[in-house]
Protein backbone atom coordinates (compact mmCIF):
# COMPACT_ATOMS: atom_id res chain seq x y z
CA UNK A 1 -17.88 38.98 32.87
CA UNK A 2 -20.94 39.27 30.62
CA UNK A 3 -23.94 37.12 31.38
CA UNK A 4 -23.12 33.65 30.02
CA UNK A 5 -25.66 31.72 27.96
CA UNK A 6 -24.71 28.37 29.50
CA UNK A 7 -22.14 26.68 31.73
CA UNK A 8 -19.77 26.11 28.81
CA UNK A 9 -19.73 29.87 28.16
CA UNK A 10 -19.32 30.61 31.88
CA UNK A 11 -16.24 28.41 32.16
CA UNK A 12 -14.80 29.61 28.83
CA UNK A 13 -14.95 33.21 30.11
CA UNK A 14 -12.85 32.43 33.20
CA UNK A 15 -9.05 32.69 33.40
CA UNK A 16 -7.38 29.70 31.78
CA UNK A 17 -5.56 28.72 34.98
CA UNK A 18 -8.83 27.93 36.81
CA UNK A 19 -10.82 26.31 34.01
CA UNK A 20 -9.66 22.79 34.81
CA UNK A 21 -10.86 23.17 38.42
CA UNK A 22 -14.23 24.47 37.26
CA UNK A 23 -14.60 21.66 34.72
CA UNK A 24 -13.76 19.06 37.37
CA UNK A 25 -16.21 20.70 39.79
CA UNK A 26 -18.87 20.54 37.08
CA UNK A 27 -18.15 16.85 36.45
CA UNK A 28 -18.22 16.11 40.18
CA UNK A 29 -21.69 17.65 40.49
CA UNK A 30 -22.92 15.82 37.39
CA UNK A 31 -21.52 12.51 38.62
CA UNK A 32 -23.04 13.00 42.08
CA UNK A 33 -26.54 13.55 40.67
CA UNK A 34 -26.68 12.50 36.99
CA UNK A 35 -30.37 13.47 36.73
CA UNK A 36 -29.65 17.10 37.69
CA UNK A 37 -30.24 19.70 35.01
CA UNK A 38 -27.71 22.43 34.36
CA UNK A 39 -28.64 26.11 33.98
CA UNK A 40 -27.33 29.61 34.51
CA UNK A 41 -29.06 31.45 37.35
CA UNK A 42 -27.96 34.76 38.85
CA UNK A 43 -25.14 34.69 36.29
CA UNK A 44 -23.59 31.48 37.65
CA UNK A 45 -23.85 27.74 37.03
CA UNK A 46 -26.86 26.23 38.77
CA UNK A 47 -27.98 22.63 39.09
CA UNK A 48 -31.54 21.60 39.73
CA UNK A 49 -32.84 18.24 40.88
CA UNK A 50 -36.30 18.13 42.40
CA UNK A 51 -35.57 21.69 43.54
CA UNK A 52 -32.46 23.79 44.02
CA UNK A 53 -29.37 21.60 44.27
CA UNK A 54 -26.17 23.66 44.03
CA UNK A 55 -24.61 26.75 42.45
CA UNK A 56 -20.97 27.69 41.96
CA UNK A 57 -19.14 30.88 41.04
CA UNK A 58 -15.59 31.99 40.56
CA UNK A 59 -14.40 34.83 42.79
CA UNK A 60 -11.00 36.52 42.87
CA UNK A 61 -9.36 34.09 45.29
CA UNK A 62 -11.87 31.28 45.70
CA UNK A 63 -14.67 29.30 44.15
CA UNK A 64 -17.96 29.82 45.91
CA UNK A 65 -20.09 26.72 46.29
CA UNK A 66 -23.66 27.46 47.30
CA UNK A 67 -25.73 24.58 48.67
CA UNK A 68 -29.14 25.28 50.19
CA UNK A 69 -29.42 24.77 53.94
CA UNK A 70 -29.10 22.74 56.15
CA UNK A 71 -26.36 20.76 54.37
CA UNK A 72 -23.43 22.87 55.58
CA UNK A 73 -24.61 22.73 59.20
CA UNK A 74 -25.00 18.97 58.93
CA UNK A 75 -21.42 18.56 57.64
CA UNK A 76 -19.61 21.11 59.85
CA UNK A 77 -16.92 18.68 60.97
CA UNK A 78 -16.02 17.72 57.40
CA UNK A 79 -15.86 21.40 56.41
CA UNK A 80 -13.38 22.49 59.09
CA UNK A 81 -10.67 24.57 57.50
CA UNK A 82 -13.01 26.19 54.98
CA UNK A 83 -15.15 29.29 55.28
CA UNK A 84 -18.53 27.58 55.46
CA UNK A 85 -21.71 29.08 56.85
CA UNK A 86 -25.38 29.02 56.02
CA UNK A 87 -25.38 28.05 52.31
CA UNK A 88 -21.87 29.21 51.32
CA UNK A 89 -18.54 27.43 51.12
CA UNK A 90 -15.41 29.21 49.91
CA UNK A 91 -12.90 26.91 48.25
CA UNK A 92 -9.51 28.69 47.97
CA UNK A 93 -8.01 28.69 44.48
CA UNK A 94 -4.53 27.98 45.85
CA UNK A 95 -5.68 24.61 47.23
CA UNK A 96 -6.90 21.41 45.61
CA UNK A 97 -10.67 21.17 45.56
CA UNK A 98 -12.11 18.51 47.91
CA UNK A 99 -14.02 16.66 45.19
CA UNK A 100 -15.06 13.72 47.39
CA UNK A 101 -16.47 16.12 49.98
CA UNK A 102 -18.25 18.15 47.30
CA UNK A 103 -19.83 14.97 45.97
CA UNK A 104 -20.99 14.04 49.49
CA UNK A 105 -22.55 17.48 50.01
CA UNK A 106 -24.33 17.50 46.65
CA UNK A 107 -25.70 13.99 47.20
CA UNK A 108 -26.93 15.01 50.66
CA UNK A 109 -28.82 17.96 49.15
CA UNK A 110 -30.31 15.67 46.50
CA UNK A 111 -31.65 13.36 49.22
CA UNK A 112 -33.23 16.35 51.00
CA UNK A 113 -34.87 17.37 47.73
CA UNK A 114 -36.15 13.84 47.11
CA UNK A 115 -37.63 13.79 50.61
CA UNK A 116 -39.46 17.04 49.91
CA UNK A 117 -37.33 19.27 52.14
CA UNK A 118 -37.62 22.33 49.94
CA UNK A 119 -34.68 24.70 50.19
CA UNK A 120 -35.52 28.12 51.59
């Protein structure tokens, strides 16, 4: 994949069978924190709200969701069944995405950012 100019280009360059999941993930993040700004960073979609909020990227068999610490540690019980450690969650492509959980995690990171807990 060439370096996309924006999130629209990133999603358009992905296989058609995963685009709907990526679009819904994008909408979930935007709905969770409407004031977040959308960018491309490190070649993947990135959302910023009073600091780093969340990234996502398509891999061969999963979507990687990257939320700065300590959000994953604070939601370990809710993330059982997923590879989730440090700042990385792998969401398998052969499963429905847990949009309500994603929204909870993104909102939790936004609160940390508002409180001045700068992500490492």
